[in-house]
Amino acid sequence: LVKMQFLQILSRKPGSLEVLFQIPFCQKQFPYSCLSTSVCVYSKKKKGNSYEQVDQEKYKNLVHSVTSYKTSAQTPETILEEDSLLYGPPAKHRCPVKAGTKTPKNWVPLINPSKRILPVSSDSNVPMKIGLQRTKMPSVTRILQQTLSPQQVFYLERWKQKMIEELGKEGFEEYTKNLFLQGELFHSALESIFLSEEASARDQGKDDVVAGYLSSVKHVLEDISDVKALESGVHHETLQYLGLVDCVAKYRGQLCVIDWKTSEKPKPFLQNTYDNPLQVAAYIGAINHDANYDFQVCCGLIVVAYKNGSPAHPHFMDPDLCSQYWNKWLLRLEEYLDKN
């Protein structure tokens, strides 16, 4: 031990080992390399096994199981057994169904597989305009109004009360009456444009209100062609409901059911239009199952026009999106039928 400590001291001083390992009888020195060692000495006694202090006879099986295995004795089978003893057998359950993925009981396809598409006739340039038959069948608007969610009812009622506080009851009635009138004038002006009745459209355009809406949709009208139906009644022969379609035409080459909406507030996203996508999907399904129409539609378009003339927001609904809203519409229809 003393010799080893002496070597450690020498190794810390440069040249010390060099002198120590020189051979005095040689003129030249041999190549050498520095040597450094260290020794750690522990004077503590070896730690005893704590299991030796345990009552070996009393806990013989436990001590044996702990000391006789170097690796874990657990296996998938033993873990399952332990879990079953501690927590009981695993509960078999299905994943919760996400909102909006509920399947309608009476599912009818959006596209009618048995409908025969007739060849294009010579007078196909004239848009169809079928009168709405007043029957006992409920309308799309009525079905949607009577199946509003509690949250929708709450917000509508709160808006109504707020408007009554500002305008009074009579003033609110006049306000809603003007809104409907503006919508009718706007739809009439669009119909005149599509029918190339320029004189009628120009006369209606003199009204500042209609002029603002027409200016708002001007850029959308440039993408619309091949108008097939205007303000035309539709009814679903299988599901027994009816409605009045604003327009069926091509938008950027895709045949769509087009719904014209007026708004005083911006609605830049489809979700801002509330139940309008369900309404469009309902009309698409009705057209596809109505024998009066010799074509089928798989796309939709909601155009929100603004009174101040700011550019309208067109919301295009592709076939996948239409199918999603079609399923939601079927659920609302089932809810209506259950209530009535």
Foldseek 3Di string as FASTA:
>chain_A
DVVLVVLQVQLVDPPSVVVVPADVVDPDGDDDDRDHDDDDDDPDDDDDDPCVPDPCVVCVVVVCVVPVDPDDPDDPVVVQVVCCVVPNHDDDDDDDDDPLPDFFPDDDDLADPPAAFDDDDPPQLDADAADADDDPFAALVVLCVVLDDPVVVVVVVVVLVVVCVVQNPVRSVVVVVVQVVLVVLLLVLVVCVSVVVVVVNVVSCVPLQNVLQCLQCVVQVVQWDSWHHAQHKFAAPPLRYIYTFHTWTDGNRATAREAEAEDADDDQDPVSVPCVLLNRLVVQSRLNRGNVHSDHHQKYWYWYTYRNNHHIHIDIGGNVNSRSSPRVNSVSSVVSVVVD
